[in-house]
Amino acid sequence: MELTLTPELEMLIAKKLATGRYANAEQILVEALKNSVVLDEQRDAALHALKHMFSEASDESANARTLLRQHQEDWQKSRV
């Protein structure tokens, strides 16, 4: 596979290579892709957790509205 990189990305890769931590650009790109996968998984997990929390909060809100209605009805009946 061939990739065409922007000058900015080429500069970033050159900076990473200059640190001596990487032997070549391929190592940098492999690590970047692995980190991207991990980040995507973390985002997916966070989104799932938020959806679950929202669902629970929505359920609790619905229960609270039901209880409020019941108390209002009971109060109305007690005034008659």
Protein backbone atom coordinates (compact mmCIF):
# COMPACT_ATOMS: atom_id res chain seq x y z
CA MET A 1 0.00 0.00 0.00
CA GLU A 2 1.22 3.46 -0.81
CA LEU A 3 0.30 6.51 1.21
CA THR A 4 0.61 10.15 0.35
CA LEU A 5 1.24 12.23 3.44
CA THR A 6 0.83 15.93 3.88
CA PRO A 7 3.99 17.91 4.62
CA GLU A 8 2.73 18.36 8.19
CA LEU A 9 2.42 14.60 8.72
CA GLU A 10 5.82 14.01 7.16
CA MET A 11 7.26 16.54 9.62
CA LEU A 12 5.57 14.79 12.55
CA ILE A 13 6.98 11.45 11.44
CA ALA A 14 10.43 12.98 11.06
CA LYS A 15 10.21 14.39 14.60
CA LYS A 16 9.18 10.99 15.95
CA LEU A 17 12.04 9.30 14.11
CA ALA A 18 14.47 11.85 15.51
CA THR A 19 13.62 10.74 19.05
CA GLY A 20 15.21 7.37 18.35
CA ARG A 21 12.20 5.55 19.70
CA TYR A 22 11.21 4.30 16.25
CA ALA A 23 13.34 2.58 13.65
CA ASN A 24 11.17 3.64 10.72
CA ALA A 25 7.97 5.38 9.68
CA GLU A 26 6.09 2.09 9.53
CA GLN A 27 6.51 1.58 13.28
CA ILE A 28 5.09 5.04 13.91
CA LEU A 29 2.07 4.39 11.70
CA VAL A 30 1.43 0.96 13.22
CA GLU A 31 1.46 2.44 16.73
CA ALA A 32 -0.77 5.31 15.62
CA LEU A 33 -3.33 2.88 14.17
CA LYS A 34 -3.26 0.71 17.29
CA ASN A 35 -3.80 3.80 19.44
CA SER A 36 -6.63 4.86 17.16
CA VAL A 37 -8.34 1.49 17.64
CA VAL A 38 -7.99 1.74 21.42
CA LEU A 39 -9.36 5.28 21.38
CA ASP A 40 -12.32 4.20 19.26
CA GLU A 41 -13.06 1.37 21.71
CA GLN A 42 -12.86 3.77 24.66
CA ARG A 43 -15.19 6.22 22.93
CA ASP A 44 -17.64 3.42 22.12
CA ALA A 45 -17.58 2.24 25.73
CA ALA A 46 -18.10 5.78 27.01
CA LEU A 47 -20.99 6.34 24.60
CA HIS A 48 -22.57 3.05 25.66
CA ALA A 49 -22.25 4.05 29.33
CA LEU A 50 -23.78 7.47 28.66
CA LYS A 51 -26.69 5.94 26.78
CA HIS A 52 -27.25 3.52 29.67
CA MET A 53 -27.13 6.35 32.22
CA PHE A 54 -29.52 8.43 30.11
CA SER A 55 -31.91 5.51 29.83
CA GLU A 56 -31.86 4.96 33.59
CA ALA A 57 -32.38 8.67 34.25
CA SER A 58 -35.25 8.73 31.78
CA ASP A 59 -36.84 5.73 33.50
CA GLU A 60 -36.42 7.38 36.90
CA SER A 61 -37.96 10.58 35.57
CA ALA A 62 -40.95 8.66 34.22
CA ASN A 63 -41.37 6.93 37.59
CA ALA A 64 -41.19 10.27 39.39
CA ARG A 65 -43.87 11.75 37.10
CA THR A 66 -46.11 8.75 37.77
CA LEU A 67 -45.68 9.12 41.51
CA LEU A 68 -46.35 12.84 41.31
CA ARG A 69 -49.56 12.23 39.35
CA GLN A 70 -50.67 9.63 41.89
CA HIS A 71 -50.02 12.03 44.78
CA GLN A 72 -51.88 14.82 42.99
CA GLU A 73 -54.85 12.52 42.38
CA ASP A 74 -54.81 11.35 46.00
CA TRP A 75 -54.66 14.96 47.19
CA GLN A 76 -57.55 15.93 44.91
CA LYS A 77 -59.61 13.00 46.21
CA SER A 78 -58.86 13.95 49.83
CA ARG A 79 -60.18 17.47 49.24
CA VAL A 80 -63.57 16.23 48.03
